[in-house]
Amino acid sequence: MADEITGGGPAKQMGADGQLTPEQNARKEEIKANIQWTDMQALLQYGVGVQRKIAGCSETILAQMQNPDSVHAGDLMQELAQKIKDTAADQSEEGIFERLPFFRKGRRMRQKMARRYEILEVQIDRMEQELEQVRMRILKDIILLGGLYEKNMEYYQDLQVYIAAGEEKLDELQNHTLPNLRGETADQGNPMKVQTVRELEDAGNRLKKKLYDLKLSRAIALQAAPQIRMIQNHDKMLADKIQMAVLGTIPLWKSQIAMALGLHRQAETAGKSKRGMVDLETLNKGNAEFIAAIEEAIAIQKKNHAAHQKAEQELAGMEQKFEKPLPTFSKQ
């Protein structure tokens, strides 16, 4: 069941020691071999495909975090609790009058209360159906988030390969190719080689900037992973609570109300004027249990909504957090 909820098995990972796998190393060498310092357009587009996938994945994750189903579930449960509270308050007031000898309107009060609960039951049936629909949508969202988690991790691994390839290529340029060319230029005073050095320095700075951008995207992907899992877990808690309400709390409340109303009818038939007190206690007990269970579900929903908002803010602010000046090559 856990795999079904989270949306599948683990994503392809690096080696246990954090190093690239043999397959990823082979891919890295292929990418590195294709980096040409004279192809400025290719340098500008280096790793852009993976970055776009990361950006698209992040937008989808943010859209999921703004999902209104959690808020709708909370509104429905608030409405449920309020209707029961209002009915319970009216019922308690009528119970006081029913106990006074000079009012003696027990039968009319009981009939009025029975009609009120019949209307309330119809309203709760409607909200029960809506809650179940919300729960099914939340379960679909959980599975969708699981798929996003796998894609996010896959793109993260791809970025690792591009970053490793670019850094090795940049290291070769900075520590081997450029020092050798600068030495030759100093010895020969060849102006063409001076220009070549400048162009290579510019190309190196372009790749360095791209690597910085790729690392930013990697940080976003890395930040998104635990946020996705957190939202999945909170959504599952909310879905479980809704299921408990739909399959347990609401049916139990209905059975207690039916029992209490049945006792009222028996009292009318037998002419027992004092039966109303017992029925009132039964209804109060059922109402209190129902309200407590729904309020617990509301607390879970509020926690879920707060988690969504926090994760949304953290992901949306990630780019600003990593913005800073990027140094260029120093001339040696």
Protein backbone atom coordinates (compact mmCIF):
# COMPACT_ATOMS: atom_id res chain seq x y z
CA MET A 1 0.00 0.00 0.00
CA ALA A 2 2.85 2.38 0.80
CA ASP A 3 4.25 2.05 -2.73
CA GLU A 4 0.80 2.71 -4.19
CA ILE A 5 0.38 5.85 -2.11
CA THR A 6 3.82 7.30 -2.80
CA GLY A 7 3.60 6.49 -6.49
CA GLY A 8 6.12 3.75 -7.23
CA GLY A 9 9.58 2.46 -6.43
CA PRO A 10 12.80 4.40 -5.83
CA ALA A 11 14.34 6.57 -8.50
CA LYS A 12 17.67 5.71 -10.12
CA GLN A 13 20.33 6.77 -7.63
CA MET A 14 24.04 7.46 -7.52
CA GLY A 15 26.42 4.99 -5.93
CA ALA A 16 26.28 4.37 -2.18
CA ASP A 17 29.33 6.60 -1.62
CA GLY A 18 27.71 9.55 -3.41
CA GLN A 19 29.80 9.03 -6.56
CA LEU A 20 28.40 8.61 -10.06
CA THR A 21 27.49 5.11 -11.16
CA PRO A 22 29.40 3.52 -14.06
CA GLU A 23 26.47 4.31 -16.35
CA GLN A 24 26.47 7.94 -15.22
CA ASN A 25 30.25 8.17 -15.59
CA ALA A 26 29.96 6.99 -19.18
CA ARG A 27 27.30 9.62 -19.82
CA LYS A 28 29.49 12.27 -18.14
CA GLU A 29 32.45 11.46 -20.42
CA GLU A 30 30.20 11.68 -23.46
CA ILE A 31 28.87 15.09 -22.42
CA LYS A 32 32.36 16.35 -21.60
CA ALA A 33 33.71 15.28 -24.99
CA ASN A 34 30.97 17.27 -26.73
CA ILE A 35 31.80 20.55 -24.97
CA GLN A 36 33.46 22.80 -27.55
CA TRP A 37 34.94 26.09 -26.34
CA THR A 38 34.44 27.72 -29.73
CA ASP A 39 30.69 26.92 -29.83
CA MET A 40 29.26 29.80 -27.77
CA GLN A 41 25.64 28.86 -28.49
CA ALA A 42 26.18 25.32 -27.21
CA LEU A 43 27.78 26.69 -24.02
CA LEU A 44 24.80 28.96 -23.44
CA GLN A 45 22.44 25.99 -23.88
CA TYR A 46 24.50 23.63 -21.73
CA GLY A 47 22.12 21.60 -19.50
CA VAL A 48 19.15 23.79 -20.37
CA GLY A 49 16.97 20.79 -21.23
CA VAL A 50 17.28 19.36 -17.72
CA GLN A 51 16.77 22.81 -16.18
CA ARG A 52 13.50 23.17 -18.06
CA LYS A 53 12.35 19.80 -16.76
CA ILE A 54 13.22 20.84 -13.20
CA ALA A 55 11.36 24.14 -13.64
CA GLY A 56 8.31 22.38 -15.05
CA CYS A 57 8.37 19.87 -12.22
CA SER A 58 8.63 22.67 -9.63
CA GLU A 59 5.67 24.52 -11.16
CA THR A 60 3.57 21.35 -11.00
CA ILE A 61 4.59 20.79 -7.38
CA LEU A 62 3.65 24.37 -6.50
CA ALA A 63 0.30 23.92 -8.24
CA GLN A 64 -0.34 20.81 -6.16
CA MET A 65 0.50 22.70 -2.98
CA GLN A 66 -2.15 25.28 -3.91
CA ASN A 67 -4.76 22.52 -4.30
CA PRO A 68 -8.11 23.74 -2.90
CA ASP A 69 -9.32 20.26 -1.87
CA SER A 70 -7.76 20.51 1.59
CA VAL A 71 -9.46 23.86 2.22
CA HIS A 72 -12.78 22.53 0.88
CA ALA A 73 -12.55 19.52 3.21
CA GLY A 74 -11.97 21.85 6.14
CA ASP A 75 -14.97 24.01 5.19
CA LEU A 76 -17.21 20.96 4.94
CA MET A 77 -16.12 19.64 8.32
CA GLN A 78 -16.56 23.07 9.89
CA GLU A 79 -20.09 23.20 8.48
CA LEU A 80 -20.78 19.70 9.81
CA ALA A 81 -19.64 20.57 13.32
CA GLN A 82 -21.55 23.87 13.35
CA LYS A 83 -24.83 22.28 12.27
CA ILE A 84 -24.58 19.70 15.06
CA LYS A 85 -23.68 22.40 17.60
CA ASP A 86 -26.65 24.56 16.56
CA THR A 87 -29.04 21.62 16.73
CA ALA A 88 -27.65 20.53 20.09
CA ALA A 89 -28.12 24.05 21.50
CA ASP A 90 -31.75 24.23 20.34
CA GLN A 91 -32.38 20.72 21.59
CA SER A 92 -31.01 21.52 25.07
CA GLU A 93 -33.22 24.61 25.29
CA GLU A 94 -36.29 22.62 24.35
CA GLY A 95 -35.35 19.93 26.85
CA ILE A 96 -35.46 22.50 29.66
CA PHE A 97 -38.97 23.57 28.73
CA GLU A 98 -40.05 19.96 28.35
CA ARG A 99 -39.12 19.25 31.99
CA LEU A 100 -41.29 22.07 33.35
CA PRO A 101 -44.74 20.70 34.45
CA PHE A 102 -46.73 23.67 33.18
CA PHE A 103 -45.42 23.36 29.60
CA ARG A 104 -46.41 19.73 28.94
CA LYS A 105 -45.65 19.98 25.26
CA GLY A 106 -43.36 16.95 25.15
CA ARG A 107 -44.97 15.30 22.19
CA ARG A 108 -44.90 18.43 20.06
CA MET A 109 -41.26 19.08 21.07
CA ARG A 110 -40.27 15.53 20.21
CA GLN A 111 -41.97 15.71 16.84
CA LYS A 112 -40.28 19.02 16.11
CA MET A 113 -36.88 17.61 17.11
CA ALA A 114 -37.44 14.50 14.98
CA ARG A 115 -38.19 16.67 11.93
CA ARG A 116 -35.11 18.76 12.64
CA TYR A 117 -32.87 15.69 12.73
CA GLU A 118 -34.42 14.33 9.55
CA ILE A 119 -33.53 17.58 7.77
CA LEU A 120 -30.07 17.55 9.34
CA GLU A 121 -29.50 13.96 8.21
CA VAL A 122 -30.22 14.95 4.60
CA GLN A 123 -27.73 17.81 4.85
CA ILE A 124 -25.09 15.56 6.40
CA ASP A 125 -25.65 12.95 3.68
CA ARG A 126 -24.84 15.63 1.10
CA MET A 127 -21.69 16.73 2.92
CA GLU A 128 -20.71 13.10 3.43
CA GLN A 129 -20.79 12.52 -0.33
CA GLU A 130 -18.76 15.69 -0.95
CA LEU A 131 -16.18 14.63 1.64
CA GLU A 132 -15.79 11.26 -0.03
CA GLN A 133 -15.27 12.97 -3.40
CA VAL A 134 -12.62 15.23 -1.84
CA ARG A 135 -10.93 12.21 -0.27
CA MET A 136 -10.69 10.44 -3.63
CA ARG A 137 -9.17 13.54 -5.22
CA ILE A 138 -6.64 13.81 -2.39
CA LEU A 139 -5.65 10.16 -2.92
CA LYS A 140 -5.09 10.89 -6.62
CA ASP A 141 -2.98 13.91 -5.65
CA ILE A 142 -0.87 11.70 -3.37
CA ILE A 143 -0.13 9.33 -6.26
CA LEU A 144 0.59 12.28 -8.58
CA LEU A 145 3.03 13.70 -6.03
CA GLY A 146 4.73 10.31 -5.89
CA GLY A 147 5.26 10.46 -9.64
CA LEU A 148 6.59 14.00 -9.35
CA TYR A 149 9.01 12.86 -6.67
CA GLU A 150 10.43 10.19 -8.98
CA LYS A 151 10.75 12.64 -11.87
CA ASN A 152 12.33 15.24 -9.62
CA MET A 153 14.95 12.74 -8.43
CA GLU A 154 15.61 11.61 -12.00
CA TYR A 155 16.24 15.20 -13.10
CA TYR A 156 18.42 15.75 -10.03
CA GLN A 157 20.60 12.82 -11.09
CA ASP A 158 20.84 14.20 -14.65
CA LEU A 159 21.98 17.55 -13.27
CA GLN A 160 24.66 15.81 -11.24
CA VAL A 161 26.06 14.32 -14.43
CA TYR A 162 26.02 17.64 -16.31
CA ILE A 163 27.63 19.47 -13.38
CA ALA A 164 30.36 16.83 -13.01
CA ALA A 165 31.12 16.91 -16.76
CA GLY A 166 31.21 20.73 -16.84
CA GLU A 167 33.40 21.02 -13.75
CA GLU A 168 35.96 18.54 -15.11
CA LYS A 169 36.04 20.35 -18.46
CA LEU A 170 36.40 23.70 -16.66
CA ASP A 171 39.19 22.33 -14.49
CA GLU A 172 41.11 21.19 -17.57
CA LEU A 173 40.74 24.66 -19.09
CA GLN A 174 41.69 26.60 -15.97
CA ASN A 175 44.55 24.41 -14.74
CA HIS A 176 46.04 23.08 -17.98
CA THR A 177 44.93 24.64 -21.26
CA LEU A 178 44.97 28.32 -20.23
CA PRO A 179 48.25 28.22 -18.21
CA ASN A 180 50.00 26.55 -21.17
CA LEU A 181 48.66 29.11 -23.65
CA ARG A 182 49.58 32.01 -21.38
CA GLY A 183 53.12 30.64 -21.15
CA GLU A 184 53.40 30.34 -24.92
CA THR A 185 52.04 33.87 -25.36
CA ALA A 186 54.57 35.30 -22.91
CA ASP A 187 57.43 33.53 -24.68
CA GLN A 188 56.46 34.33 -28.26
CA GLY A 189 54.43 37.55 -27.94
CA ASN A 190 51.99 36.21 -30.56
CA PRO A 191 48.91 38.55 -30.65
CA MET A 192 46.72 35.78 -32.12
CA LYS A 193 47.43 33.58 -29.11
CA VAL A 194 46.62 36.50 -26.82
CA GLN A 195 43.21 36.71 -28.52
CA THR A 196 42.76 32.94 -28.18
CA VAL A 197 43.45 33.19 -24.46
CA ARG A 198 40.85 35.93 -24.10
CA GLU A 199 38.24 33.94 -26.03
CA LEU A 200 38.91 30.84 -23.94
CA GLU A 201 38.63 32.88 -20.75
CA ASP A 202 35.27 34.22 -21.95
CA ALA A 203 34.11 30.73 -22.87
CA GLY A 204 35.22 29.41 -19.48
CA ASN A 205 33.29 32.16 -17.71
CA ARG A 206 30.20 31.31 -19.76
CA LEU A 207 30.43 27.67 -18.71
CA LYS A 208 31.11 28.71 -15.12
CA LYS A 209 27.92 30.78 -15.17
CA LYS A 210 25.99 27.85 -16.61
CA LEU A 211 27.33 25.56 -13.89
CA TYR A 212 26.17 28.05 -11.29
CA ASP A 213 22.70 28.02 -12.86
CA LEU A 214 22.70 24.21 -12.93
CA LYS A 215 23.68 24.11 -9.26
CA LEU A 216 20.80 26.45 -8.49
CA SER A 217 18.43 24.08 -10.29
CA ARG A 218 19.98 21.17 -8.39
CA ALA A 219 19.36 22.98 -5.10
CA ILE A 220 15.73 23.53 -6.09
CA ALA A 221 15.34 19.83 -6.94
CA LEU A 222 17.01 18.82 -3.69
CA GLN A 223 14.76 21.16 -1.70
CA ALA A 224 11.64 19.89 -3.44
CA ALA A 225 12.21 16.21 -2.59
CA PRO A 226 11.50 16.34 1.18
CA GLN A 227 8.74 18.90 0.62
CA ILE A 228 6.95 16.48 -1.71
CA ARG A 229 7.20 13.68 0.85
CA MET A 230 5.98 15.97 3.63
CA ILE A 231 2.94 17.04 1.62
CA GLN A 232 2.20 13.41 0.72
CA ASN A 233 2.26 12.41 4.39
CA HIS A 234 0.02 15.30 5.44
CA ASP A 235 -2.40 14.55 2.61
CA LYS A 236 -2.52 10.91 3.65
CA MET A 237 -3.31 11.89 7.24
CA LEU A 238 -6.15 14.11 6.02
CA ALA A 239 -7.49 11.42 3.68
CA ASP A 240 -7.44 8.88 6.53
CA LYS A 241 -9.29 11.30 8.81
CA ILE A 242 -11.94 11.97 6.17
CA GLN A 243 -12.34 8.24 5.62
CA MET A 244 -12.77 7.73 9.37
CA ALA A 245 -15.46 10.42 9.41
CA VAL A 246 -17.30 9.02 6.38
CA LEU A 247 -17.10 5.34 7.33
CA GLY A 248 -17.13 5.57 11.12
CA THR A 249 -18.00 8.84 12.82
CA ILE A 250 -20.99 9.88 10.71
CA PRO A 251 -22.64 6.39 10.57
CA LEU A 252 -22.18 6.04 14.35
CA TRP A 253 -23.78 9.44 14.93
CA LYS A 254 -26.69 8.49 12.68
CA SER A 255 -27.23 5.24 14.58
CA GLN A 256 -27.23 7.05 17.92
CA ILE A 257 -29.71 9.61 16.63
CA ALA A 258 -31.93 6.85 15.24
CA MET A 259 -31.80 5.09 18.60
CA ALA A 260 -32.72 8.24 20.50
CA LEU A 261 -35.59 9.07 18.14
CA GLY A 262 -36.77 5.49 18.44
CA LEU A 263 -36.91 5.87 22.20
CA HIS A 264 -38.96 9.04 21.72
CA ARG A 265 -41.48 7.15 19.61
CA GLN A 266 -41.68 4.40 22.21
CA ALA A 267 -42.29 7.03 24.89
CA GLU A 268 -45.15 8.51 22.87
CA THR A 269 -46.70 5.11 22.33
CA ALA A 270 -46.38 4.09 25.98
CA GLY A 271 -47.31 7.53 27.29
CA LYS A 272 -44.09 7.90 29.31
CA SER A 273 -43.70 11.63 29.85
CA LYS A 274 -40.29 11.28 31.56
CA ARG A 275 -38.65 9.43 28.70
CA GLY A 276 -37.53 12.72 27.11
CA MET A 277 -34.78 13.19 29.68
CA VAL A 278 -33.13 9.88 28.76
CA ASP A 279 -33.44 10.69 25.06
CA LEU A 280 -31.87 14.12 25.57
CA GLU A 281 -28.87 12.56 27.31
CA THR A 282 -28.47 10.03 24.51
CA LEU A 283 -28.60 12.75 21.85
CA ASN A 284 -26.19 14.99 23.75
CA LYS A 285 -23.73 12.12 24.05
CA GLY A 286 -23.94 11.37 20.33
CA ASN A 287 -23.58 15.03 19.41
CA ALA A 288 -20.57 15.55 21.68
CA GLU A 289 -18.77 12.50 20.28
CA PHE A 290 -19.51 13.57 16.72
CA ILE A 291 -18.31 17.15 17.27
CA ALA A 292 -15.10 15.95 18.99
CA ALA A 293 -14.27 13.60 16.11
CA ILE A 294 -14.96 16.24 13.46
CA GLU A 295 -12.95 18.89 15.31
CA GLU A 296 -10.01 16.49 15.45
CA ALA A 297 -10.30 16.08 11.67
CA ILE A 298 -10.45 19.89 11.30
CA ALA A 299 -7.22 20.20 13.32
CA ILE A 300 -5.54 17.74 10.93
CA GLN A 301 -6.82 19.75 7.96
CA LYS A 302 -5.45 23.01 9.37
CA LYS A 303 -2.07 21.40 9.94
CA ASN A 304 -2.17 20.05 6.39
CA HIS A 305 -3.00 23.49 4.95
CA ALA A 306 -0.22 25.15 6.96
CA ALA A 307 2.28 22.54 5.70
CA HIS A 308 1.20 23.22 2.10
CA GLN A 309 1.67 26.97 2.54
CA LYS A 310 5.08 26.60 4.20
CA ALA A 311 6.37 24.27 1.48
CA GLU A 312 5.02 26.59 -1.21
CA GLN A 313 6.81 29.60 0.29
CA GLU A 314 10.10 27.72 0.64
CA LEU A 315 10.09 26.51 -2.95
CA ALA A 316 8.92 29.84 -4.37
CA GLY A 317 11.69 31.68 -2.52
CA MET A 318 14.49 29.27 -3.42
CA GLU A 319 15.76 31.24 -6.43
CA GLN A 320 16.13 34.46 -4.43
CA LYS A 321 17.96 32.59 -1.68
CA PHE A 322 20.65 31.45 -4.10
CA GLU A 323 21.10 34.68 -6.06
CA LYS A 324 24.58 36.15 -5.55
CA PRO A 325 27.39 37.61 -7.70
CA LEU A 326 29.37 35.07 -9.69
CA PRO A 327 33.17 35.53 -9.85
CA THR A 328 34.98 35.27 -13.19
CA PHE A 329 38.36 33.80 -14.05
CA SER A 330 41.30 35.74 -12.70
CA LYS A 331 44.09 36.32 -15.17
CA GLN A 332 47.24 34.55 -14.17
